[in-house]
Amino acid sequence: TVSRDNTNNTVALQMNDLKIEDTAVYYCSAGWPAFFW
């Protein structure tokens, strides 16, 4: 579940029931298409 607090532009990603295949480096991005990382 992704959520956002617009008062401080904080975005959270709650990850439940994680699987081995979820192993990775996770990057936050801004813009669409994503432009900043």
PDB file of all heavy atoms in Angstrom:
ATOM      1  N   THR A   1       0.844  -1.186   0.000  1.00  0.00           N
ATOM      2  CA  THR A   1       0.000   0.000   0.000  1.00  0.00           C
ATOM      3  C   THR A   1       0.884   1.241   0.000  1.00  0.00           C
ATOM      4  O   THR A   1       1.774   1.367   0.856  1.00  0.00           O
ATOM      5  CB  THR A   1      -0.910   0.026   1.227  1.00  0.00           C
ATOM      6  OG1 THR A   1      -1.720  -1.147   1.259  1.00  0.00           O
ATOM      7  CG2 THR A   1      -1.823   1.253   1.191  1.00  0.00           C
ATOM      8  N   VAL A   2       0.635   2.141  -0.935  1.00  0.00           N
ATOM      9  CA  VAL A   2       1.369   3.400  -0.990  1.00  0.00           C
ATOM     10  C   VAL A   2       0.481   4.497  -0.425  1.00  0.00           C
ATOM     11  O   VAL A   2      -0.736   4.512  -0.667  1.00  0.00           O
ATOM     12  CB  VAL A   2       1.828   3.719  -2.431  1.00  0.00           C
ATOM     13  CG1 VAL A   2       0.657   3.935  -3.371  1.00  0.00           C
ATOM     14  CG2 VAL A   2       2.778   4.915  -2.445  1.00  0.00           C
ATOM     15  N   SER A   3       1.078   5.387   0.342  1.00  0.00           N
ATOM     16  CA  SER A   3       0.331   6.488   0.937  1.00  0.00           C
ATOM     17  C   SER A   3       1.193   7.740   0.919  1.00  0.00           C
ATOM     18  O   SER A   3       2.415   7.672   0.756  1.00  0.00           O
ATOM     19  CB  SER A   3      -0.101   6.144   2.360  1.00  0.00           C
ATOM     20  OG  SER A   3       1.028   5.867   3.177  1.00  0.00           O
ATOM     21  N   ARG A   4       0.529   8.858   1.142  1.00  0.00           N
ATOM     22  CA  ARG A   4       1.249  10.121   0.979  1.00  0.00           C
ATOM     23  C   ARG A   4       0.755  11.133   1.990  1.00  0.00           C
ATOM     24  O   ARG A   4      -0.438  11.233   2.262  1.00  0.00           O
ATOM     25  CB  ARG A   4       1.023  10.638  -0.442  1.00  0.00           C
ATOM     26  CG  ARG A   4       1.650  11.970  -0.751  1.00  0.00           C
ATOM     27  CD  ARG A   4       1.549  12.240  -2.226  1.00  0.00           C
ATOM     28  NE  ARG A   4       2.163  13.517  -2.560  1.00  0.00           N
ATOM     29  CZ  ARG A   4       2.613  13.829  -3.760  1.00  0.00           C
ATOM     30  NH1 ARG A   4       2.523  12.958  -4.750  1.00  0.00           N
ATOM     31  NH2 ARG A   4       3.155  15.008  -3.987  1.00  0.00           N
ATOM     32  N   ASP A   5       1.690  11.902   2.514  1.00  0.00           N
ATOM     33  CA  ASP A   5       1.387  13.041   3.363  1.00  0.00           C
ATOM     34  C   ASP A   5       1.787  14.291   2.593  1.00  0.00           C
ATOM     35  O   ASP A   5       2.989  14.574   2.450  1.00  0.00           O
ATOM     36  CB  ASP A   5       2.155  12.930   4.686  1.00  0.00           C
ATOM     37  CG  ASP A   5       1.840  14.051   5.638  1.00  0.00           C
ATOM     38  OD1 ASP A   5       1.197  15.042   5.217  1.00  0.00           O
ATOM     39  OD2 ASP A   5       2.242  13.966   6.799  1.00  0.00           O
ATOM     40  N   ASN A   6       0.799  15.021   2.087  1.00  0.00           N
ATOM     41  CA  ASN A   6       1.095  16.184   1.259  1.00  0.00           C
ATOM     42  C   ASN A   6       1.657  17.365   2.049  1.00  0.00           C
ATOM     43  O   ASN A   6       2.204  18.294   1.459  1.00  0.00           O
ATOM     44  CB  ASN A   6      -0.151  16.631   0.508  1.00  0.00           C
ATOM     45  CG  ASN A   6      -0.466  15.735  -0.675  1.00  0.00           C
ATOM     46  OD1 ASN A   6       0.432  15.182  -1.316  1.00  0.00           O
ATOM     47  ND2 ASN A   6      -1.746  15.570  -0.962  1.00  0.00           N
ATOM     48  N   THR A   7       1.496  17.345   3.351  1.00  0.00           N
ATOM     49  CA  THR A   7       2.013  18.468   4.132  1.00  0.00           C
ATOM     50  C   THR A   7       3.537  18.508   4.111  1.00  0.00           C
ATOM     51  O   THR A   7       4.138  19.575   4.234  1.00  0.00           O
ATOM     52  CB  THR A   7       1.530  18.409   5.583  1.00  0.00           C
ATOM     53  OG1 THR A   7       2.026  17.212   6.195  1.00  0.00           O
ATOM     54  CG2 THR A   7       0.014  18.425   5.644  1.00  0.00           C
ATOM     55  N   ASN A   8       4.153  17.359   3.943  1.00  0.00           N
ATOM     56  CA  ASN A   8       5.618  17.332   3.890  1.00  0.00           C
ATOM     57  C   ASN A   8       6.146  16.479   2.746  1.00  0.00           C
ATOM     58  O   ASN A   8       7.334  16.155   2.717  1.00  0.00           O
ATOM     59  CB  ASN A   8       6.200  16.822   5.211  1.00  0.00           C
ATOM     60  CG  ASN A   8       5.664  15.461   5.582  1.00  0.00           C
ATOM     61  OD1 ASN A   8       5.094  14.762   4.757  1.00  0.00           O
ATOM     62  ND2 ASN A   8       5.825  15.073   6.834  1.00  0.00           N
ATOM     63  N   ASN A   9       5.265  16.119   1.805  1.00  0.00           N
ATOM     64  CA  ASN A   9       5.664  15.324   0.628  1.00  0.00           C
ATOM     65  C   ASN A   9       6.424  14.063   1.024  1.00  0.00           C
ATOM     66  O   ASN A   9       7.463  13.738   0.437  1.00  0.00           O
ATOM     67  CB  ASN A   9       6.491  16.175  -0.338  1.00  0.00           C
ATOM     68  CG  ASN A   9       5.639  17.153  -1.104  1.00  0.00           C
ATOM     69  OD1 ASN A   9       4.554  16.823  -1.569  1.00  0.00           O
ATOM     70  ND2 ASN A   9       6.106  18.378  -1.217  1.00  0.00           N
ATOM     71  N   THR A  10       5.887  13.377   1.987  1.00  0.00           N
ATOM     72  CA  THR A  10       6.450  12.088   2.372  1.00  0.00           C
ATOM     73  C   THR A  10       5.564  10.978   1.841  1.00  0.00           C
ATOM     74  O   THR A  10       4.341  11.029   1.999  1.00  0.00           O
ATOM     75  CB  THR A  10       6.557  11.975   3.901  1.00  0.00           C
ATOM     76  OG1 THR A  10       7.426  13.001   4.386  1.00  0.00           O
ATOM     77  CG2 THR A  10       7.125  10.633   4.302  1.00  0.00           C
ATOM     78  N   VAL A  11       6.179  10.024   1.195  1.00  0.00           N
ATOM     79  CA  VAL A  11       5.438   8.902   0.630  1.00  0.00           C
ATOM     80  C   VAL A  11       5.922   7.621   1.288  1.00  0.00           C
ATOM     81  O   VAL A  11       7.135   7.378   1.359  1.00  0.00           O
ATOM     82  CB  VAL A  11       5.622   8.831  -0.893  1.00  0.00           C
ATOM     83  CG1 VAL A  11       5.002   7.556  -1.461  1.00  0.00           C
ATOM     84  CG2 VAL A  11       4.997  10.051  -1.550  1.00  0.00           C
ATOM     85  N   ALA A  12       4.995   6.831   1.763  1.00  0.00           N
ATOM     86  CA  ALA A  12       5.325   5.570   2.414  1.00  0.00           C
ATOM     87  C   ALA A  12       4.870   4.403   1.562  1.00  0.00           C
ATOM     88  O   ALA A  12       3.867   4.489   0.848  1.00  0.00           O
ATOM     89  CB  ALA A  12       4.672   5.500   3.792  1.00  0.00           C
ATOM     90  N   LEU A  13       5.609   3.321   1.628  1.00  0.00           N
ATOM     91  CA  LEU A  13       5.232   2.079   0.963  1.00  0.00           C
ATOM     92  C   LEU A  13       5.204   0.991   2.027  1.00  0.00           C
ATOM     93  O   LEU A  13       6.247   0.573   2.529  1.00  0.00           O
ATOM     94  CB  LEU A  13       6.227   1.724  -0.139  1.00  0.00           C
ATOM     95  CG  LEU A  13       5.902   0.454  -0.919  1.00  0.00           C
ATOM     96  CD1 LEU A  13       4.635   0.641  -1.753  1.00  0.00           C
ATOM     97  CD2 LEU A  13       7.071   0.046  -1.820  1.00  0.00           C
ATOM     98  N   GLN A  14       4.012   0.566   2.372  1.00  0.00           N
ATOM     99  CA  GLN A  14       3.839  -0.523   3.331  1.00  0.00           C
ATOM    100  C   GLN A  14       3.815  -1.832   2.558  1.00  0.00           C
ATOM    101  O   GLN A  14       2.946  -2.028   1.698  1.00  0.00           O
ATOM    102  CB  GLN A  14       2.545  -0.347   4.117  1.00  0.00           C
ATOM    103  CG  GLN A  14       2.262  -1.474   5.098  1.00  0.00           C
ATOM    104  CD  GLN A  14       3.272  -1.532   6.225  1.00  0.00           C
ATOM    105  OE1 GLN A  14       3.665  -0.509   6.763  1.00  0.00           O
ATOM    106  NE2 GLN A  14       3.686  -2.748   6.590  1.00  0.00           N
ATOM    107  N   MET A  15       4.740  -2.704   2.864  1.00  0.00           N
ATOM    108  CA  MET A  15       4.858  -3.974   2.147  1.00  0.00           C
ATOM    109  C   MET A  15       4.590  -5.113   3.114  1.00  0.00           C
ATOM    110  O   MET A  15       5.312  -5.276   4.108  1.00  0.00           O
ATOM    111  CB  MET A  15       6.254  -4.113   1.531  1.00  0.00           C
ATOM    112  CG  MET A  15       6.617  -2.973   0.594  1.00  0.00           C
ATOM    113  SD  MET A  15       8.169  -3.234  -0.277  1.00  0.00           S
ATOM    114  CE  MET A  15       9.328  -3.151   1.093  1.00  0.00           C
ATOM    115  N   ASN A  16       3.556  -5.874   2.829  1.00  0.00           N
ATOM    116  CA  ASN A  16       3.178  -7.014   3.659  1.00  0.00           C
ATOM    117  C   ASN A  16       3.319  -8.300   2.859  1.00  0.00           C
ATOM    118  O   ASN A  16       3.370  -8.276   1.626  1.00  0.00           O
ATOM    119  CB  ASN A  16       1.734  -6.858   4.132  1.00  0.00           C
ATOM    120  CG  ASN A  16       1.527  -5.626   4.982  1.00  0.00           C
ATOM    121  OD1 ASN A  16       2.411  -5.217   5.749  1.00  0.00           O
ATOM    122  ND2 ASN A  16       0.365  -5.011   4.863  1.00  0.00           N
ATOM    123  N   ASP A  17       3.359  -9.407   3.571  1.00  0.00           N
ATOM    124  CA  ASP A  17       3.445 -10.722   2.932  1.00  0.00           C
ATOM    125  C   ASP A  17       4.578 -10.762   1.905  1.00  0.00           C
ATOM    126  O   ASP A  17       4.398 -11.173   0.747  1.00  0.00           O
ATOM    127  CB  ASP A  17       2.113 -11.086   2.275  1.00  0.00           C
ATOM    128  CG  ASP A  17       2.054 -12.530   1.812  1.00  0.00           C
ATOM    129  OD1 ASP A  17       2.813 -13.363   2.365  1.00  0.00           O
ATOM    130  OD2 ASP A  17       1.277 -12.833   0.889  1.00  0.00           O
ATOM    131  N   LEU A  18       5.733 -10.308   2.317  1.00  0.00           N
ATOM    132  CA  LEU A  18       6.868 -10.224   1.403  1.00  0.00           C
ATOM    133  C   LEU A  18       7.322 -11.602   0.952  1.00  0.00           C
ATOM    134  O   LEU A  18       7.286 -12.578   1.720  1.00  0.00           O
ATOM    135  CB  LEU A  18       8.014  -9.476   2.063  1.00  0.00           C
ATOM    136  CG  LEU A  18       7.821  -7.948   2.091  1.00  0.00           C
ATOM    137  CD1 LEU A  18       8.707  -7.305   3.142  1.00  0.00           C
ATOM    138  CD2 LEU A  18       8.103  -7.361   0.720  1.00  0.00           C
ATOM    139  N   LYS A  19       7.747 -11.665  -0.303  1.00  0.00           N
ATOM    140  CA  LYS A  19       8.221 -12.895  -0.908  1.00  0.00           C
ATOM    141  C   LYS A  19       9.707 -12.758  -1.239  1.00  0.00           C
ATOM    142  O   LYS A  19      10.217 -11.638  -1.382  1.00  0.00           O
ATOM    143  CB  LYS A  19       7.425 -13.184  -2.183  1.00  0.00           C
ATOM    144  CG  LYS A  19       5.922 -13.243  -1.980  1.00  0.00           C
ATOM    145  CD  LYS A  19       5.203 -13.433  -3.304  1.00  0.00           C
ATOM    146  CE  LYS A  19       3.698 -13.466  -3.111  1.00  0.00           C
ATOM    147  NZ  LYS A  19       2.961 -13.651  -4.401  1.00  0.00           N
ATOM    148  N   ILE A  20      10.367 -13.894  -1.402  1.00  0.00           N
ATOM    149  CA  ILE A  20      11.785 -13.870  -1.729  1.00  0.00           C
ATOM    150  C   ILE A  20      12.027 -13.072  -3.007  1.00  0.00           C
ATOM    151  O   ILE A  20      13.002 -12.323  -3.120  1.00  0.00           O
ATOM    152  CB  ILE A  20      12.315 -15.308  -1.862  1.00  0.00           C
ATOM    153  CG1 ILE A  20      12.299 -16.004  -0.498  1.00  0.00           C
ATOM    154  CG2 ILE A  20      13.734 -15.317  -2.449  1.00  0.00           C
ATOM    155  CD1 ILE A  20      12.651 -17.469  -0.541  1.00  0.00           C
ATOM    156  N   GLU A  21      11.108 -13.183  -3.954  1.00  0.00           N
ATOM    157  CA  GLU A  21      11.265 -12.466  -5.221  1.00  0.00           C
ATOM    158  C   GLU A  21      11.054 -10.962  -5.107  1.00  0.00           C
ATOM    159  O   GLU A  21      11.239 -10.231  -6.080  1.00  0.00           O
ATOM    160  CB  GLU A  21      10.314 -13.044  -6.282  1.00  0.00           C
ATOM    161  CG  GLU A  21       8.868 -13.148  -5.857  1.00  0.00           C
ATOM    162  CD  GLU A  21       8.515 -14.532  -5.319  1.00  0.00           C
ATOM    163  OE1 GLU A  21       9.350 -15.140  -4.592  1.00  0.00           O
ATOM    164  OE2 GLU A  21       7.389 -14.998  -5.612  1.00  0.00           O
ATOM    165  N   ASP A  22      10.683 -10.481  -3.926  1.00  0.00           N
ATOM    166  CA  ASP A  22      10.600  -9.036  -3.702  1.00  0.00           C
ATOM    167  C   ASP A  22      11.963  -8.433  -3.380  1.00  0.00           C
ATOM    168  O   ASP A  22      12.093  -7.213  -3.264  1.00  0.00           O
ATOM    169  CB  ASP A  22       9.630  -8.723  -2.561  1.00  0.00           C
ATOM    170  CG  ASP A  22       8.183  -9.038  -2.902  1.00  0.00           C
ATOM    171  OD1 ASP A  22       7.771  -8.758  -4.045  1.00  0.00           O
ATOM    172  OD2 ASP A  22       7.469  -9.570  -2.026  1.00  0.00           O
ATOM    173  N   THR A  23      12.963  -9.280  -3.228  1.00  0.00           N
ATOM    174  CA  THR A  23      14.311  -8.795  -2.943  1.00  0.00           C
ATOM    175  C   THR A  23      14.807  -7.921  -4.096  1.00  0.00           C
ATOM    176  O   THR A  23      14.803  -8.341  -5.255  1.00  0.00           O
ATOM    177  CB  THR A  23      15.273  -9.976  -2.739  1.00  0.00           C
ATOM    178  OG1 THR A  23      14.879 -10.692  -1.561  1.00  0.00           O
ATOM    179  CG2 THR A  23      16.708  -9.491  -2.568  1.00  0.00           C
ATOM    180  N   ALA A  24      15.210  -6.707  -3.769  1.00  0.00           N
ATOM    181  CA  ALA A  24      15.648  -5.749  -4.786  1.00  0.00           C
ATOM    182  C   ALA A  24      16.090  -4.464  -4.088  1.00  0.00           C
ATOM    183  O   ALA A  24      15.888  -4.301  -2.881  1.00  0.00           O
ATOM    184  CB  ALA A  24      14.507  -5.432  -5.753  1.00  0.00           C
ATOM    185  N   VAL A  25      16.669  -3.582  -4.869  1.00  0.00           N
ATOM    186  CA  VAL A  25      16.876  -2.210  -4.413  1.00  0.00           C
ATOM    187  C   VAL A  25      15.627  -1.424  -4.794  1.00  0.00           C
ATOM    188  O   VAL A  25      15.183  -1.468  -5.943  1.00  0.00           O
ATOM    189  CB  VAL A  25      18.131  -1.577  -5.044  1.00  0.00           C
ATOM    190  CG1 VAL A  25      18.286  -0.130  -4.574  1.00  0.00           C
ATOM    191  CG2 VAL A  25      19.376  -2.381  -4.681  1.00  0.00           C
ATOM    192  N   TYR A  26      15.064  -0.735  -3.829  1.00  0.00           N
ATOM    193  CA  TYR A  26      13.856   0.036  -4.045  1.00  0.00           C
ATOM    194  C   TYR A  26      14.216   1.518  -4.128  1.00  0.00           C
ATOM    195  O   TYR A  26      14.917   2.049  -3.265  1.00  0.00           O
ATOM    196  CB  TYR A  26      12.863  -0.219  -2.912  1.00  0.00           C
ATOM    197  CG  TYR A  26      12.174  -1.548  -3.016  1.00  0.00           C
ATOM    198  CD1 TYR A  26      12.883  -2.735  -2.849  1.00  0.00           C
ATOM    199  CD2 TYR A  26      10.818  -1.640  -3.328  1.00  0.00           C
ATOM    200  CE1 TYR A  26      12.258  -3.971  -2.980  1.00  0.00           C
ATOM    201  CE2 TYR A  26      10.186  -2.869  -3.451  1.00  0.00           C
ATOM    202  CZ  TYR A  26      10.918  -4.023  -3.279  1.00  0.00           C
ATOM    203  OH  TYR A  26      10.291  -5.246  -3.428  1.00  0.00           O
ATOM    204  N   TYR A  27      13.698   2.145  -5.174  1.00  0.00           N
ATOM    205  CA  TYR A  27      14.022   3.544  -5.449  1.00  0.00           C
ATOM    206  C   TYR A  27      12.751   4.392  -5.384  1.00  0.00           C
ATOM    207  O   TYR A  27      11.709   4.021  -5.938  1.00  0.00           O
ATOM    208  CB  TYR A  27      14.621   3.701  -6.843  1.00  0.00           C
ATOM    209  CG  TYR A  27      15.932   3.009  -7.048  1.00  0.00           C
ATOM    210  CD1 TYR A  27      15.987   1.705  -7.531  1.00  0.00           C
ATOM    211  CD2 TYR A  27      17.135   3.659  -6.776  1.00  0.00           C
ATOM    212  CE1 TYR A  27      17.194   1.062  -7.732  1.00  0.00           C
ATOM    213  CE2 TYR A  27      18.354   3.029  -6.988  1.00  0.00           C
ATOM    214  CZ  TYR A  27      18.374   1.739  -7.460  1.00  0.00           C
ATOM    215  OH  TYR A  27      19.579   1.115  -7.661  1.00  0.00           O
ATOM    216  N   CYS A  28      12.874   5.539  -4.786  1.00  0.00           N
ATOM    217  CA  CYS A  28      11.813   6.534  -4.836  1.00  0.00           C
ATOM    218  C   CYS A  28      12.027   7.386  -6.081  1.00  0.00           C
ATOM    219  O   CYS A  28      13.178   7.669  -6.461  1.00  0.00           O
ATOM    220  CB  CYS A  28      11.868   7.397  -3.573  1.00  0.00           C
ATOM    221  SG  CYS A  28      10.586   8.638  -3.458  1.00  0.00           S
ATOM    222  N   SER A  29      10.934   7.792  -6.703  1.00  0.00           N
ATOM    223  CA  SER A  29      11.034   8.601  -7.911  1.00  0.00           C
ATOM    224  C   SER A  29      10.075   9.769  -7.830  1.00  0.00           C
ATOM    225  O   SER A  29       9.082   9.730  -7.097  1.00  0.00           O
ATOM    226  CB  SER A  29      10.703   7.754  -9.146  1.00  0.00           C
ATOM    227  OG  SER A  29       9.317   7.444  -9.152  1.00  0.00           O
ATOM    228  N   ALA A  30      10.358  10.804  -8.623  1.00  0.00           N
ATOM    229  CA  ALA A  30       9.452  11.942  -8.722  1.00  0.00           C
ATOM    230  C   ALA A  30       9.292  12.314 -10.179  1.00  0.00           C
ATOM    231  O   ALA A  30      10.234  12.216 -10.967  1.00  0.00           O
ATOM    232  CB  ALA A  30       9.985  13.128  -7.927  1.00  0.00           C
ATOM    233  N   GLY A  31       8.082  12.743 -10.513  1.00  0.00           N
ATOM    234  CA  GLY A  31       7.766  13.088 -11.891  1.00  0.00           C
ATOM    235  C   GLY A  31       7.171  11.885 -12.602  1.00  0.00           C
ATOM    236  O   GLY A  31       7.335  10.741 -12.187  1.00  0.00           O
ATOM    237  N   TRP A  32       6.457  12.168 -13.685  1.00  0.00           N
ATOM    238  CA  TRP A  32       5.931  11.070 -14.505  1.00  0.00           C
ATOM    239  C   TRP A  32       5.943  11.494 -15.963  1.00  0.00           C
ATOM    240  O   TRP A  32       5.269  12.460 -16.319  1.00  0.00           O
ATOM    241  CB  TRP A  32       4.520  10.677 -14.084  1.00  0.00           C
ATOM    242  CG  TRP A  32       4.090   9.418 -14.772  1.00  0.00           C
ATOM    243  CD1 TRP A  32       3.233   9.304 -15.808  1.00  0.00           C
ATOM    244  CD2 TRP A  32       4.588   8.090 -14.485  1.00  0.00           C
ATOM    245  NE1 TRP A  32       3.152   7.969 -16.184  1.00  0.00           N
ATOM    246  CE2 TRP A  32       3.965   7.217 -15.393  1.00  0.00           C
ATOM    247  CE3 TRP A  32       5.509   7.570 -13.565  1.00  0.00           C
ATOM    248  CZ2 TRP A  32       4.211   5.843 -15.391  1.00  0.00           C
ATOM    249  CZ3 TRP A  32       5.748   6.215 -13.564  1.00  0.00           C
ATOM    250  CH2 TRP A  32       5.102   5.373 -14.470  1.00  0.00           C
ATOM    251  N   PRO A  33       6.706  10.787 -16.799  1.00  0.00           N
ATOM    252  CA  PRO A  33       7.563   9.645 -16.440  1.00  0.00           C
ATOM    253  C   PRO A  33       8.570  10.016 -15.346  1.00  0.00           C
ATOM    254  O   PRO A  33       8.917  11.174 -15.191  1.00  0.00           O
ATOM    255  CB  PRO A  33       8.279   9.317 -17.748  1.00  0.00           C
ATOM    256  CG  PRO A  33       7.432   9.908 -18.817  1.00  0.00           C
ATOM    257  CD  PRO A  33       6.841  11.138 -18.219  1.00  0.00           C
ATOM    258  N   ALA A  34       9.004   9.028 -14.618  1.00  0.00           N
ATOM    259  CA  ALA A  34       9.943   9.262 -13.521  1.00  0.00           C
ATOM    260  C   ALA A  34      11.196   9.952 -14.035  1.00  0.00           C
ATOM    261  O   ALA A  34      11.797   9.513 -15.011  1.00  0.00           O
ATOM    262  CB  ALA A  34      10.306   7.941 -12.854  1.00  0.00           C
ATOM    263  N   PHE A  35      11.544  11.035 -13.360  1.00  0.00           N
ATOM    264  CA  PHE A  35      12.666  11.842 -13.830  1.00  0.00           C
ATOM    265  C   PHE A  35      13.726  12.004 -12.766  1.00  0.00           C
ATOM    266  O   PHE A  35      14.913  12.094 -13.079  1.00  0.00           O
ATOM    267  CB  PHE A  35      12.138  13.212 -14.267  1.00  0.00           C
ATOM    268  CG  PHE A  35      13.131  14.029 -15.017  1.00  0.00           C
ATOM    269  CD1 PHE A  35      13.416  13.757 -16.346  1.00  0.00           C
ATOM    270  CD2 PHE A  35      13.790  15.073 -14.397  1.00  0.00           C
ATOM    271  CE1 PHE A  35      14.329  14.513 -17.036  1.00  0.00           C
ATOM    272  CE2 PHE A  35      14.706  15.842 -15.073  1.00  0.00           C
ATOM    273  CZ  PHE A  35      14.977  15.564 -16.396  1.00  0.00           C
ATOM    274  N   PHE A  36      13.329  12.050 -11.514  1.00  0.00           N
ATOM    275  CA  PHE A  36      14.271  12.177 -10.407  1.00  0.00           C
ATOM    276  C   PHE A  36      14.243  10.884  -9.595  1.00  0.00           C
ATOM    277  O   PHE A  36      13.197  10.248  -9.455  1.00  0.00           O
ATOM    278  CB  PHE A  36      13.897  13.365  -9.512  1.00  0.00           C
ATOM    279  CG  PHE A  36      14.005  14.690 -10.196  1.00  0.00           C
ATOM    280  CD1 PHE A  36      12.892  15.285 -10.772  1.00  0.00           C
ATOM    281  CD2 PHE A  36      15.216  15.343 -10.266  1.00  0.00           C
ATOM    282  CE1 PHE A  36      12.986  16.511 -11.412  1.00  0.00           C
ATOM    283  CE2 PHE A  36      15.326  16.566 -10.901  1.00  0.00           C
ATOM    284  CZ  PHE A  36      14.214  17.147 -11.479  1.00  0.00           C
ATOM    285  N   TRP A  37      15.418  10.542  -9.053  1.00  0.00           N
ATOM    286  CA  TRP A  37      15.549   9.280  -8.336  1.00  0.00           C
ATOM    287  C   TRP A  37      16.271   9.483  -7.017  1.00  0.00           C
ATOM    288  O   TRP A  37      17.189  10.320  -6.911  1.00  0.00           O
ATOM    289  CB  TRP A  37      16.343   8.275  -9.182  1.00  0.00           C
ATOM    290  CG  TRP A  37      15.696   7.955 -10.481  1.00  0.00           C
ATOM    291  CD1 TRP A  37      15.915   8.549 -11.684  1.00  0.00           C
ATOM    292  CD2 TRP A  37      14.690   6.956 -10.709  1.00  0.00           C
ATOM    293  NE1 TRP A  37      15.108   7.993 -12.638  1.00  0.00           N
ATOM    294  CE2 TRP A  37      14.351   7.012 -12.079  1.00  0.00           C
ATOM    295  CE3 TRP A  37      14.041   6.029  -9.880  1.00  0.00           C
ATOM    296  CZ2 TRP A  37      13.389   6.168 -12.647  1.00  0.00           C
ATOM    297  CZ3 TRP A  37      13.097   5.195 -10.450  1.00  0.00           C
ATOM    298  CH2 TRP A  37      12.777   5.277 -11.815  1.00  0.00           C
TER     299      TRP A  37
END
